[in-house]
Amino acid sequence: MNAVGLLGGTFNPIHLGHLRLAEELAEALDLTTVLVIPAGHPPHRPAPDVPPETRLAMTGLAIAGNPRLHLEDYEARKTTPSYMVETLEHLRGRLGAATPLVLFLGADAFQGLTAWHEWRRLFDLAHLAVAHRPGFPPAAWEQRLADELKQEWHGRRAATPAELHATPAGRIWLQAITQLDISASRIRQLVGRGRSIRYLVPDPVLDYIDRHRLYRQEPA
């Protein structure tokens, strides 16, 4: 079965850093399909000021034209918190038990994995592909992991991308990618101050934000 990549996030808004991570991990792991999954109600942070359907629309605009990337609306349509373990269970039921699933994470997200809901079960449902900045030695990165996560890392680290295609779940892959210093919170701040966000988000997302007057600080 062809492995399927998964990129989740609040995407408030989706930006070029998200898209470059998806593109480079998919290319490194030889994935032809990546599901991009906007969270509806993220449990680990305050509720976004933009509703799920709006973030879903921006994400769809951002990935249009890239045959690798496909919009997944499961979390955005839910009314309950968007726990990744539940999303993976849903996708397993839809894609089958034999399909390798590869969850894309940034290094910071992986380091905080032990705070996720039922985090150990993630390894039963998917592989994890962890993106980090170039030139960052894995030994230094490991020192930042909690002991219980470090044990999983040592026991599950894949030696080649082929291992992620050979089994449905359970391996961890570490990949250096281009680091773009872009954050959604910074984009929202810039818009709120009337500053340009051109070249931080795809042009269709920029147009959507302008047209719908998102993130602006309206006068009282």
N, C-alpha and C. Protein backbone atom coordinates (compact mmCIF):
# COMPACT_ATOMS: atom_id res chain seq x y z
N MET A 1 0.85 -1.19 0.00
CA MET A 1 0.00 0.00 0.00
C MET A 1 0.89 1.25 0.00
N ASN A 2 0.49 2.28 -0.76
CA ASN A 2 1.22 3.53 -0.76
C ASN A 2 1.00 4.26 0.56
N ALA A 3 2.09 4.75 1.15
CA ALA A 3 1.99 5.49 2.40
C ALA A 3 1.32 6.83 2.15
N VAL A 4 0.58 7.31 3.15
CA VAL A 4 -0.13 8.58 3.08
C VAL A 4 0.39 9.49 4.18
N GLY A 5 0.81 10.69 3.81
CA GLY A 5 1.25 11.68 4.78
C GLY A 5 0.08 12.43 5.37
N LEU A 6 0.27 12.93 6.60
CA LEU A 6 -0.78 13.67 7.30
C LEU A 6 -0.17 14.92 7.93
N LEU A 7 -0.72 16.07 7.62
CA LEU A 7 -0.27 17.32 8.22
C LEU A 7 -1.46 18.00 8.89
N GLY A 8 -1.45 18.02 10.22
CA GLY A 8 -2.50 18.70 10.95
C GLY A 8 -2.02 20.04 11.48
N GLY A 9 -2.97 20.89 11.84
CA GLY A 9 -2.62 22.18 12.41
C GLY A 9 -3.84 23.07 12.52
N THR A 10 -3.71 24.12 13.30
CA THR A 10 -4.79 25.09 13.40
C THR A 10 -4.94 25.86 12.10
N PHE A 11 -3.80 26.18 11.46
CA PHE A 11 -3.79 26.89 10.18
C PHE A 11 -4.60 28.18 10.26
N ASN A 12 -4.16 29.05 11.16
CA ASN A 12 -4.88 30.30 11.44
C ASN A 12 -3.97 31.52 11.26
N PRO A 13 -3.51 31.78 10.01
CA PRO A 13 -3.84 31.09 8.76
C PRO A 13 -2.73 30.11 8.37
N ILE A 14 -3.00 29.27 7.39
CA ILE A 14 -1.96 28.44 6.80
C ILE A 14 -0.96 29.35 6.09
N HIS A 15 0.33 29.00 6.15
CA HIS A 15 1.35 29.86 5.56
C HIS A 15 2.40 29.02 4.83
N LEU A 16 3.38 29.70 4.26
CA LEU A 16 4.36 29.01 3.42
C LEU A 16 5.24 28.07 4.23
N GLY A 17 5.43 28.32 5.51
CA GLY A 17 6.19 27.39 6.35
C GLY A 17 5.50 26.04 6.44
N HIS A 18 4.17 26.04 6.63
CA HIS A 18 3.41 24.79 6.66
C HIS A 18 3.56 24.05 5.33
N LEU A 19 3.41 24.78 4.24
CA LEU A 19 3.40 24.16 2.93
C LEU A 19 4.77 23.61 2.55
N ARG A 20 5.82 24.34 2.92
CA ARG A 20 7.17 23.87 2.60
C ARG A 20 7.50 22.61 3.41
N LEU A 21 7.07 22.55 4.67
CA LEU A 21 7.26 21.35 5.47
C LEU A 21 6.59 20.15 4.82
N ALA A 22 5.35 20.33 4.39
CA ALA A 22 4.62 19.23 3.75
C ALA A 22 5.32 18.79 2.47
N GLU A 23 5.77 19.73 1.66
CA GLU A 23 6.39 19.40 0.38
C GLU A 23 7.72 18.67 0.58
N GLU A 24 8.55 19.16 1.50
CA GLU A 24 9.86 18.56 1.67
C GLU A 24 9.77 17.18 2.33
N LEU A 25 8.89 17.01 3.31
CA LEU A 25 8.75 15.69 3.92
C LEU A 25 8.17 14.70 2.92
N ALA A 26 7.18 15.12 2.16
CA ALA A 26 6.60 14.22 1.16
C ALA A 26 7.64 13.80 0.13
N GLU A 27 8.46 14.73 -0.30
CA GLU A 27 9.50 14.40 -1.28
C GLU A 27 10.55 13.47 -0.68
N ALA A 28 10.99 13.76 0.54
CA ALA A 28 12.02 12.94 1.19
C ALA A 28 11.53 11.51 1.41
N LEU A 29 10.24 11.36 1.69
CA LEU A 29 9.69 10.04 2.01
C LEU A 29 9.00 9.39 0.82
N ASP A 30 9.06 10.03 -0.34
CA ASP A 30 8.47 9.50 -1.56
C ASP A 30 6.97 9.23 -1.40
N LEU A 31 6.26 10.26 -0.91
CA LEU A 31 4.82 10.16 -0.72
C LEU A 31 4.11 10.91 -1.84
N THR A 32 3.13 10.30 -2.43
CA THR A 32 2.37 10.96 -3.50
C THR A 32 1.11 11.62 -2.97
N THR A 33 0.73 11.31 -1.72
CA THR A 33 -0.49 11.87 -1.14
C THR A 33 -0.23 12.35 0.28
N VAL A 34 -0.62 13.59 0.54
CA VAL A 34 -0.58 14.15 1.90
C VAL A 34 -1.94 14.76 2.19
N LEU A 35 -2.56 14.33 3.27
CA LEU A 35 -3.82 14.93 3.71
C LEU A 35 -3.51 16.10 4.64
N VAL A 36 -4.04 17.26 4.33
CA VAL A 36 -3.84 18.46 5.14
C VAL A 36 -5.11 18.66 5.97
N ILE A 37 -4.95 18.70 7.31
CA ILE A 37 -6.08 18.54 8.22
C ILE A 37 -6.20 19.76 9.15
N PRO A 38 -7.00 20.76 8.78
CA PRO A 38 -7.22 21.87 9.71
C PRO A 38 -7.98 21.41 10.96
N ALA A 39 -7.49 21.80 12.12
CA ALA A 39 -8.16 21.43 13.37
C ALA A 39 -9.43 22.24 13.54
N GLY A 40 -10.46 21.60 14.05
CA GLY A 40 -11.69 22.32 14.34
C GLY A 40 -11.61 23.04 15.67
N HIS A 41 -11.37 22.26 16.73
CA HIS A 41 -11.31 22.80 18.09
C HIS A 41 -10.06 22.25 18.77
N PRO A 42 -8.90 22.88 18.54
CA PRO A 42 -7.64 22.36 19.09
C PRO A 42 -7.68 22.35 20.62
N PRO A 43 -7.34 21.22 21.24
CA PRO A 43 -7.48 21.10 22.70
C PRO A 43 -6.34 21.70 23.50
N HIS A 44 -5.20 22.00 22.85
CA HIS A 44 -4.01 22.40 23.59
C HIS A 44 -3.74 23.91 23.54
N ARG A 45 -4.70 24.68 23.02
CA ARG A 45 -4.49 26.11 22.92
C ARG A 45 -5.85 26.80 22.94
N PRO A 46 -5.88 28.12 23.17
CA PRO A 46 -7.16 28.83 23.16
C PRO A 46 -7.87 28.68 21.82
N ALA A 47 -9.19 28.75 21.85
CA ALA A 47 -9.97 28.62 20.61
C ALA A 47 -9.57 29.71 19.62
N PRO A 48 -9.33 29.35 18.37
CA PRO A 48 -8.98 30.36 17.36
C PRO A 48 -10.09 31.39 17.20
N ASP A 49 -9.69 32.61 16.85
CA ASP A 49 -10.68 33.67 16.66
C ASP A 49 -11.35 33.59 15.29
N VAL A 50 -10.88 32.65 14.46
CA VAL A 50 -11.47 32.43 13.13
C VAL A 50 -12.10 31.05 13.13
N PRO A 51 -13.35 30.91 12.68
CA PRO A 51 -14.04 29.62 12.78
C PRO A 51 -13.43 28.55 11.88
N PRO A 52 -13.73 27.27 12.17
CA PRO A 52 -13.15 26.17 11.40
C PRO A 52 -13.43 26.26 9.90
N GLU A 53 -14.65 26.65 9.52
CA GLU A 53 -14.98 26.67 8.10
C GLU A 53 -14.15 27.72 7.34
N THR A 54 -13.78 28.80 8.02
CA THR A 54 -12.94 29.81 7.38
C THR A 54 -11.51 29.31 7.22
N ARG A 55 -10.98 28.65 8.24
CA ARG A 55 -9.63 28.08 8.14
C ARG A 55 -9.59 26.94 7.13
N LEU A 56 -10.68 26.21 7.04
CA LEU A 56 -10.78 25.15 6.04
C LEU A 56 -10.73 25.75 4.63
N ALA A 57 -11.45 26.84 4.43
CA ALA A 57 -11.47 27.50 3.13
C ALA A 57 -10.09 28.03 2.75
N MET A 58 -9.40 28.66 3.70
CA MET A 58 -8.06 29.17 3.41
C MET A 58 -7.09 28.04 3.08
N THR A 59 -7.21 26.94 3.80
CA THR A 59 -6.33 25.80 3.55
C THR A 59 -6.57 25.23 2.16
N GLY A 60 -7.84 25.12 1.78
CA GLY A 60 -8.16 24.64 0.44
C GLY A 60 -7.56 25.53 -0.64
N LEU A 61 -7.63 26.83 -0.45
CA LEU A 61 -7.04 27.75 -1.40
C LEU A 61 -5.52 27.60 -1.47
N ALA A 62 -4.90 27.38 -0.31
CA ALA A 62 -3.44 27.30 -0.24
C ALA A 62 -2.88 26.09 -0.97
N ILE A 63 -3.60 24.97 -0.94
CA ILE A 63 -3.06 23.74 -1.52
C ILE A 63 -3.58 23.45 -2.92
N ALA A 64 -4.50 24.28 -3.40
CA ALA A 64 -5.04 24.06 -4.75
C ALA A 64 -3.91 24.12 -5.78
N GLY A 65 -3.91 23.17 -6.69
CA GLY A 65 -2.89 23.14 -7.72
C GLY A 65 -1.70 22.26 -7.39
N ASN A 66 -1.58 21.80 -6.14
CA ASN A 66 -0.52 20.86 -5.78
C ASN A 66 -1.13 19.46 -5.74
N PRO A 67 -0.78 18.61 -6.69
CA PRO A 67 -1.44 17.29 -6.77
C PRO A 67 -1.13 16.38 -5.59
N ARG A 68 -0.09 16.72 -4.83
CA ARG A 68 0.26 15.92 -3.66
C ARG A 68 -0.69 16.17 -2.48
N LEU A 69 -1.14 17.40 -2.35
CA LEU A 69 -1.83 17.84 -1.14
C LEU A 69 -3.35 17.77 -1.33
N HIS A 70 -4.03 17.20 -0.34
CA HIS A 70 -5.48 17.02 -0.39
C HIS A 70 -6.10 17.49 0.93
N LEU A 71 -7.17 18.23 0.82
CA LEU A 71 -7.84 18.77 2.00
C LEU A 71 -8.66 17.69 2.70
N GLU A 72 -8.46 17.57 4.01
CA GLU A 72 -9.22 16.63 4.84
C GLU A 72 -10.03 17.44 5.86
N ASP A 73 -11.36 17.32 5.81
CA ASP A 73 -12.21 18.19 6.63
C ASP A 73 -12.75 17.51 7.89
N TYR A 74 -12.26 16.32 8.22
CA TYR A 74 -12.82 15.56 9.35
C TYR A 74 -12.80 16.38 10.64
N GLU A 75 -11.66 16.94 11.01
CA GLU A 75 -11.58 17.68 12.27
C GLU A 75 -12.38 18.98 12.22
N ALA A 76 -12.34 19.66 11.10
CA ALA A 76 -13.04 20.93 10.98
C ALA A 76 -14.55 20.77 11.09
N ARG A 77 -15.07 19.59 10.75
CA ARG A 77 -16.51 19.36 10.82
C ARG A 77 -16.96 18.86 12.19
N LYS A 78 -16.02 18.47 13.04
CA LYS A 78 -16.38 17.96 14.36
C LYS A 78 -16.79 19.10 15.29
N THR A 79 -17.61 18.77 16.27
CA THR A 79 -17.98 19.76 17.30
C THR A 79 -17.25 19.49 18.61
N THR A 80 -16.50 18.38 18.67
CA THR A 80 -15.74 18.02 19.87
C THR A 80 -14.27 18.34 19.63
N PRO A 81 -13.44 18.32 20.69
CA PRO A 81 -12.01 18.64 20.53
C PRO A 81 -11.32 17.76 19.50
N SER A 82 -10.35 18.36 18.81
CA SER A 82 -9.65 17.68 17.72
C SER A 82 -8.43 16.92 18.26
N TYR A 83 -8.67 15.76 18.83
CA TYR A 83 -7.57 14.92 19.30
C TYR A 83 -7.02 14.11 18.13
N MET A 84 -5.71 14.16 17.93
CA MET A 84 -5.11 13.49 16.79
C MET A 84 -5.34 11.99 16.84
N VAL A 85 -5.34 11.40 18.02
CA VAL A 85 -5.54 9.96 18.09
C VAL A 85 -6.91 9.58 17.53
N GLU A 86 -7.92 10.40 17.74
CA GLU A 86 -9.25 10.12 17.19
C GLU A 86 -9.27 10.31 15.67
N THR A 87 -8.54 11.31 15.20
CA THR A 87 -8.45 11.53 13.75
C THR A 87 -7.77 10.35 13.08
N LEU A 88 -6.71 9.84 13.69
CA LEU A 88 -6.01 8.69 13.12
C LEU A 88 -6.90 7.45 13.11
N GLU A 89 -7.68 7.28 14.17
CA GLU A 89 -8.62 6.15 14.19
C GLU A 89 -9.63 6.26 13.05
N HIS A 90 -10.14 7.46 12.83
CA HIS A 90 -11.09 7.69 11.75
C HIS A 90 -10.45 7.38 10.39
N LEU A 91 -9.22 7.86 10.18
CA LEU A 91 -8.56 7.62 8.91
C LEU A 91 -8.20 6.15 8.72
N ARG A 92 -7.86 5.49 9.81
CA ARG A 92 -7.59 4.05 9.74
C ARG A 92 -8.84 3.30 9.25
N GLY A 93 -9.99 3.68 9.81
CA GLY A 93 -11.22 3.04 9.39
C GLY A 93 -11.55 3.29 7.93
N ARG A 94 -11.16 4.44 7.44
CA ARG A 94 -11.47 4.81 6.06
C ARG A 94 -10.45 4.27 5.06
N LEU A 95 -9.17 4.29 5.43
CA LEU A 95 -8.10 3.91 4.51
C LEU A 95 -7.65 2.48 4.67
N GLY A 96 -8.04 1.84 5.77
CA GLY A 96 -7.70 0.44 5.96
C GLY A 96 -6.52 0.24 6.90
N ALA A 97 -6.47 -0.92 7.50
CA ALA A 97 -5.45 -1.22 8.49
C ALA A 97 -4.06 -1.37 7.89
N ALA A 98 -3.96 -1.70 6.61
CA ALA A 98 -2.66 -1.97 6.00
C ALA A 98 -1.98 -0.74 5.43
N THR A 99 -2.70 0.37 5.27
CA THR A 99 -2.12 1.57 4.67
C THR A 99 -1.16 2.25 5.63
N PRO A 100 0.10 2.44 5.27
CA PRO A 100 1.01 3.20 6.13
C PRO A 100 0.57 4.66 6.22
N LEU A 101 0.43 5.16 7.42
CA LEU A 101 0.12 6.57 7.65
C LEU A 101 1.33 7.23 8.30
N VAL A 102 1.67 8.42 7.83
CA VAL A 102 2.86 9.12 8.32
C VAL A 102 2.44 10.51 8.80
N LEU A 103 2.44 10.70 10.11
CA LEU A 103 2.05 11.98 10.69
C LEU A 103 3.23 12.93 10.70
N PHE A 104 3.08 14.09 10.06
CA PHE A 104 4.14 15.09 9.99
C PHE A 104 4.10 15.97 11.24
N LEU A 105 5.26 16.18 11.85
CA LEU A 105 5.38 17.04 13.02
C LEU A 105 6.63 17.89 12.92
N GLY A 106 6.57 19.11 13.45
CA GLY A 106 7.77 19.87 13.67
C GLY A 106 8.48 19.36 14.91
N ALA A 107 9.76 19.69 15.05
CA ALA A 107 10.54 19.20 16.19
C ALA A 107 9.95 19.67 17.51
N ASP A 108 9.46 20.92 17.56
CA ASP A 108 8.89 21.43 18.82
C ASP A 108 7.64 20.65 19.20
N ALA A 109 6.81 20.34 18.21
CA ALA A 109 5.60 19.57 18.50
C ALA A 109 5.95 18.17 19.01
N PHE A 110 6.96 17.56 18.41
CA PHE A 110 7.35 16.22 18.85
C PHE A 110 7.88 16.26 20.28
N GLN A 111 8.66 17.28 20.61
CA GLN A 111 9.20 17.39 21.96
C GLN A 111 8.10 17.51 23.01
N GLY A 112 6.94 18.04 22.62
CA GLY A 112 5.83 18.16 23.55
C GLY A 112 4.81 17.04 23.42
N LEU A 113 5.17 15.96 22.77
CA LEU A 113 4.21 14.91 22.44
C LEU A 113 3.58 14.26 23.68
N THR A 114 4.31 14.19 24.77
CA THR A 114 3.79 13.51 25.97
C THR A 114 2.58 14.24 26.57
N ALA A 115 2.34 15.49 26.15
CA ALA A 115 1.16 16.22 26.63
C ALA A 115 -0.06 15.95 25.77
N TRP A 116 0.10 15.23 24.68
CA TRP A 116 -1.03 14.95 23.78
C TRP A 116 -1.92 13.87 24.39
N HIS A 117 -3.18 13.91 24.03
CA HIS A 117 -4.16 12.93 24.48
C HIS A 117 -3.78 11.53 23.98
N GLU A 118 -3.62 10.59 24.92
CA GLU A 118 -3.28 9.20 24.60
C GLU A 118 -2.11 9.12 23.62
N TRP A 119 -1.04 9.82 23.93
CA TRP A 119 0.05 9.98 22.97
C TRP A 119 0.72 8.67 22.58
N ARG A 120 0.78 7.71 23.48
CA ARG A 120 1.44 6.44 23.13
C ARG A 120 0.67 5.69 22.04
N ARG A 121 -0.64 5.88 21.98
CA ARG A 121 -1.43 5.19 20.97
C ARG A 121 -1.16 5.71 19.56
N LEU A 122 -0.57 6.88 19.45
CA LEU A 122 -0.24 7.41 18.13
C LEU A 122 0.65 6.42 17.36
N PHE A 123 1.56 5.76 18.08
CA PHE A 123 2.48 4.84 17.42
C PHE A 123 1.78 3.57 16.93
N ASP A 124 0.63 3.26 17.51
CA ASP A 124 -0.15 2.11 17.02
C ASP A 124 -0.89 2.43 15.74
N LEU A 125 -1.05 3.72 15.47
CA LEU A 125 -1.90 4.16 14.36
C LEU A 125 -1.13 4.76 13.20
N ALA A 126 0.08 5.25 13.45
CA ALA A 126 0.82 5.95 12.39
C ALA A 126 2.32 5.94 12.68
N HIS A 127 3.09 6.20 11.64
CA HIS A 127 4.49 6.58 11.79
C HIS A 127 4.54 8.08 12.09
N LEU A 128 5.65 8.56 12.62
CA LEU A 128 5.86 9.98 12.83
C LEU A 128 7.08 10.43 12.03
N ALA A 129 6.93 11.47 11.23
CA ALA A 129 8.03 12.10 10.52
C ALA A 129 8.25 13.47 11.14
N VAL A 130 9.43 13.67 11.71
CA VAL A 130 9.72 14.87 12.49
C VAL A 130 10.69 15.76 11.71
N ALA A 131 10.27 16.98 11.45
CA ALA A 131 11.07 17.94 10.69
C ALA A 131 11.88 18.81 11.63
N HIS A 132 13.15 19.00 11.32
CA HIS A 132 14.00 19.86 12.14
C HIS A 132 14.85 20.74 11.24
N ARG A 133 15.47 21.73 11.81
CA ARG A 133 16.28 22.65 11.01
C ARG A 133 17.61 21.98 10.63
N PRO A 134 18.18 22.34 9.48
CA PRO A 134 19.46 21.75 9.05
C PRO A 134 20.58 22.09 10.04
N GLY A 135 21.52 21.18 10.17
CA GLY A 135 22.68 21.41 11.01
C GLY A 135 22.44 21.21 12.48
N PHE A 136 21.28 20.70 12.86
CA PHE A 136 20.97 20.48 14.27
C PHE A 136 21.24 19.01 14.58
N PRO A 137 22.30 18.68 15.32
CA PRO A 137 22.67 17.28 15.53
C PRO A 137 21.58 16.52 16.28
N PRO A 138 21.23 15.32 15.83
CA PRO A 138 20.22 14.52 16.54
C PRO A 138 20.56 14.30 18.01
N ALA A 139 21.86 14.17 18.33
CA ALA A 139 22.24 13.96 19.73
C ALA A 139 21.82 15.13 20.59
N ALA A 140 21.99 16.35 20.09
CA ALA A 140 21.57 17.53 20.84
C ALA A 140 20.06 17.61 20.94
N TRP A 141 19.39 17.20 19.88
CA TRP A 141 17.93 17.21 19.85
C TRP A 141 17.36 16.23 20.88
N GLU A 142 17.99 15.05 20.98
CA GLU A 142 17.52 14.02 21.90
C GLU A 142 17.55 14.50 23.35
N GLN A 143 18.52 15.35 23.68
CA GLN A 143 18.65 15.81 25.06
C GLN A 143 17.43 16.59 25.53
N ARG A 144 16.66 17.11 24.59
CA ARG A 144 15.48 17.90 24.94
C ARG A 144 14.23 17.05 25.14
N LEU A 145 14.32 15.76 24.87
CA LEU A 145 13.15 14.90 24.98
C LEU A 145 12.95 14.42 26.41
N ALA A 146 11.68 14.30 26.82
CA ALA A 146 11.37 13.66 28.10
C ALA A 146 11.85 12.21 28.05
N ASP A 147 12.19 11.67 29.21
CA ASP A 147 12.77 10.32 29.25
C ASP A 147 11.87 9.29 28.58
N GLU A 148 10.57 9.35 28.84
CA GLU A 148 9.67 8.36 28.25
C GLU A 148 9.57 8.50 26.74
N LEU A 149 9.67 9.73 26.25
CA LEU A 149 9.65 9.94 24.81
C LEU A 149 10.99 9.53 24.19
N LYS A 150 12.08 9.75 24.93
CA LYS A 150 13.40 9.36 24.45
C LYS A 150 13.47 7.84 24.27
N GLN A 151 12.83 7.10 25.14
CA GLN A 151 12.80 5.65 25.01
C GLN A 151 12.08 5.24 23.72
N GLU A 152 10.97 5.90 23.43
CA GLU A 152 10.25 5.61 22.19
C GLU A 152 11.12 5.95 20.97
N TRP A 153 11.79 7.07 21.06
CA TRP A 153 12.65 7.51 19.96
C TRP A 153 13.74 6.49 19.67
N HIS A 154 14.41 6.01 20.70
CA HIS A 154 15.50 5.04 20.49
C HIS A 154 14.96 3.71 19.97
N GLY A 155 13.79 3.32 20.41
CA GLY A 155 13.26 2.03 20.00
C GLY A 155 12.58 2.03 18.65
N ARG A 156 12.19 3.22 18.15
CA ARG A 156 11.36 3.29 16.94
C ARG A 156 12.02 4.01 15.77
N ARG A 157 13.21 4.53 15.93
CA ARG A 157 13.81 5.34 14.88
C ARG A 157 14.07 4.49 13.63
N ALA A 158 13.60 4.97 12.51
CA ALA A 158 13.79 4.28 11.23
C ALA A 158 15.14 4.63 10.64
N ALA A 159 15.79 3.65 10.03
CA ALA A 159 17.10 3.87 9.40
C ALA A 159 16.95 4.38 7.97
N THR A 160 15.85 4.03 7.31
CA THR A 160 15.61 4.46 5.93
C THR A 160 14.12 4.78 5.77
N PRO A 161 13.78 5.65 4.81
CA PRO A 161 12.37 5.92 4.56
C PRO A 161 11.58 4.69 4.16
N ALA A 162 12.25 3.70 3.57
CA ALA A 162 11.55 2.50 3.13
C ALA A 162 10.83 1.80 4.27
N GLU A 163 11.35 1.94 5.49
CA GLU A 163 10.71 1.30 6.64
C GLU A 163 9.32 1.86 6.90
N LEU A 164 9.09 3.10 6.51
CA LEU A 164 7.77 3.70 6.71
C LEU A 164 6.76 3.20 5.69
N HIS A 165 7.24 2.67 4.59
CA HIS A 165 6.35 2.11 3.57
C HIS A 165 6.09 0.63 3.82
N ALA A 166 6.95 -0.01 4.59
CA ALA A 166 6.88 -1.46 4.76
C ALA A 166 5.88 -1.90 5.82
N THR A 167 5.56 -1.01 6.75
CA THR A 167 4.63 -1.33 7.84
C THR A 167 3.64 -0.19 8.01
N PRO A 168 2.46 -0.45 8.60
CA PRO A 168 1.43 0.60 8.70
C PRO A 168 1.75 1.71 9.70
N ALA A 169 2.53 1.41 10.75
CA ALA A 169 2.69 2.39 11.84
C ALA A 169 3.87 1.99 12.70
N GLY A 170 4.26 2.94 13.61
CA GLY A 170 5.17 2.59 14.68
C GLY A 170 6.59 3.07 14.57
N ARG A 171 7.01 3.69 13.46
CA ARG A 171 8.38 4.14 13.29
C ARG A 171 8.45 5.66 13.39
N ILE A 172 9.66 6.16 13.64
CA ILE A 172 9.92 7.60 13.71
C ILE A 172 11.03 7.94 12.73
N TRP A 173 10.80 8.95 11.91
CA TRP A 173 11.81 9.41 10.95
C TRP A 173 12.13 10.88 11.24
N LEU A 174 13.41 11.21 11.26
CA LEU A 174 13.87 12.58 11.50
C LEU A 174 14.42 13.14 10.20
N GLN A 175 13.93 14.32 9.80
CA GLN A 175 14.30 14.89 8.50
C GLN A 175 14.61 16.38 8.62
N ALA A 176 15.78 16.77 8.13
CA ALA A 176 16.11 18.20 8.06
C ALA A 176 15.36 18.83 6.89
N ILE A 177 14.75 19.98 7.14
CA ILE A 177 14.05 20.70 6.07
C ILE A 177 14.43 22.17 6.11
N THR A 178 14.13 22.87 5.03
CA THR A 178 14.34 24.31 4.98
C THR A 178 13.55 25.00 6.09
N GLN A 179 14.22 25.85 6.84
CA GLN A 179 13.55 26.53 7.94
C GLN A 179 13.09 27.92 7.50
N LEU A 180 11.80 28.12 7.47
CA LEU A 180 11.22 29.42 7.17
C LEU A 180 10.68 30.00 8.47
N ASP A 181 11.23 31.13 8.88
CA ASP A 181 10.86 31.72 10.16
C ASP A 181 9.55 32.48 10.02
N ILE A 182 8.46 31.71 9.90
CA ILE A 182 7.13 32.26 9.71
C ILE A 182 6.22 31.64 10.76
N SER A 183 5.39 32.44 11.39
CA SER A 183 4.42 31.90 12.34
C SER A 183 3.05 32.53 12.08
N ALA A 184 2.01 31.75 12.34
CA ALA A 184 0.65 32.26 12.15
C ALA A 184 0.37 33.43 13.09
N SER A 185 0.89 33.36 14.32
CA SER A 185 0.64 34.45 15.26
C SER A 185 1.27 35.75 14.77
N ARG A 186 2.46 35.66 14.20
CA ARG A 186 3.10 36.85 13.65
C ARG A 186 2.31 37.41 12.47
N ILE A 187 1.79 36.54 11.63
CA ILE A 187 0.97 36.99 10.50
C ILE A 187 -0.26 37.73 11.00
N ARG A 188 -0.92 37.19 12.02
CA ARG A 188 -2.11 37.86 12.57
C ARG A 188 -1.74 39.23 13.15
N GLN A 189 -0.60 39.31 13.80
CA GLN A 189 -0.15 40.59 14.36
C GLN A 189 0.10 41.62 13.25
N LEU A 190 0.75 41.17 12.19
CA LEU A 190 1.04 42.08 11.08
C LEU A 190 -0.24 42.61 10.45
N VAL A 191 -1.20 41.72 10.22
CA VAL A 191 -2.47 42.17 9.65
C VAL A 191 -3.16 43.15 10.58
N GLY A 192 -3.13 42.85 11.88
CA GLY A 192 -3.76 43.72 12.85
C GLY A 192 -3.16 45.11 12.88
N ARG A 193 -1.89 45.21 12.51
CA ARG A 193 -1.21 46.51 12.49
C ARG A 193 -1.23 47.17 11.12
N GLY A 194 -1.93 46.52 10.18
CA GLY A 194 -2.01 47.09 8.84
C GLY A 194 -0.75 46.89 8.02
N ARG A 195 0.07 45.90 8.38
CA ARG A 195 1.32 45.63 7.66
C ARG A 195 1.12 44.53 6.62
N SER A 196 2.02 44.45 5.68
CA SER A 196 1.92 43.48 4.60
C SER A 196 2.30 42.07 5.06
N ILE A 197 1.56 41.08 4.56
CA ILE A 197 1.92 39.68 4.78
C ILE A 197 2.21 38.99 3.44
N ARG A 198 2.40 39.78 2.41
CA ARG A 198 2.73 39.21 1.11
C ARG A 198 4.03 38.42 1.20
N TYR A 199 4.07 37.26 0.55
CA TYR A 199 5.20 36.33 0.53
C TYR A 199 5.36 35.54 1.85
N LEU A 200 4.41 35.71 2.76
CA LEU A 200 4.36 34.86 3.95
C LEU A 200 3.26 33.81 3.80
N VAL A 201 2.24 34.14 3.04
CA VAL A 201 1.14 33.21 2.75
C VAL A 201 0.96 33.16 1.23
N PRO A 202 0.36 32.09 0.71
CA PRO A 202 0.06 32.06 -0.73
C PRO A 202 -0.86 33.21 -1.12
N ASP A 203 -0.72 33.68 -2.34
CA ASP A 203 -1.52 34.82 -2.80
C ASP A 203 -3.02 34.60 -2.64
N PRO A 204 -3.58 33.41 -2.94
CA PRO A 204 -5.02 33.24 -2.75
C PRO A 204 -5.45 33.40 -1.28
N VAL A 205 -4.57 33.00 -0.35
CA VAL A 205 -4.88 33.17 1.07
C VAL A 205 -4.80 34.65 1.44
N LEU A 206 -3.81 35.34 0.92
CA LEU A 206 -3.72 36.78 1.13
C LEU A 206 -4.98 37.49 0.65
N ASP A 207 -5.44 37.15 -0.54
CA ASP A 207 -6.65 37.77 -1.09
C ASP A 207 -7.87 37.45 -0.23
N TYR A 208 -7.95 36.21 0.26
CA TYR A 208 -9.09 35.81 1.10
C TYR A 208 -9.09 36.60 2.40
N ILE A 209 -7.93 36.74 3.02
CA ILE A 209 -7.83 37.51 4.27
C ILE A 209 -8.25 38.95 4.05
N ASP A 210 -7.80 39.54 2.95
CA ASP A 210 -8.16 40.93 2.65
C ASP A 210 -9.66 41.05 2.38
N ARG A 211 -10.18 40.12 1.59
CA ARG A 211 -11.59 40.21 1.18
C ARG A 211 -12.53 40.06 2.36
N HIS A 212 -12.16 39.20 3.29
CA HIS A 212 -13.03 38.93 4.45
C HIS A 212 -12.61 39.71 5.69
N ARG A 213 -11.63 40.58 5.55
CA ARG A 213 -11.18 41.47 6.62
C ARG A 213 -10.83 40.67 7.89
N LEU A 214 -10.11 39.58 7.70
CA LEU A 214 -9.71 38.75 8.84
C LEU A 214 -8.54 39.38 9.57
N TYR A 215 -8.52 39.17 10.88
CA TYR A 215 -7.42 39.53 11.78
C TYR A 215 -7.23 41.04 11.94
N ARG A 216 -8.13 41.82 11.43
CA ARG A 216 -7.98 43.27 11.54
C ARG A 216 -8.45 43.75 12.91
N GLN A 217 -7.81 44.79 13.38
CA GLN A 217 -8.23 45.43 14.62
C GLN A 217 -9.18 46.56 14.28
N GLU A 218 -10.45 46.22 14.29
CA GLU A 218 -11.47 47.20 13.91
C GLU A 218 -11.61 48.25 15.01
N PRO A 219 -11.82 49.50 14.63
CA PRO A 219 -12.01 50.54 15.64
C PRO A 219 -13.25 50.32 16.47
N ALA A 220 -13.16 50.68 17.74
CA ALA A 220 -14.30 50.47 18.65
C ALA A 220 -15.44 51.41 18.29
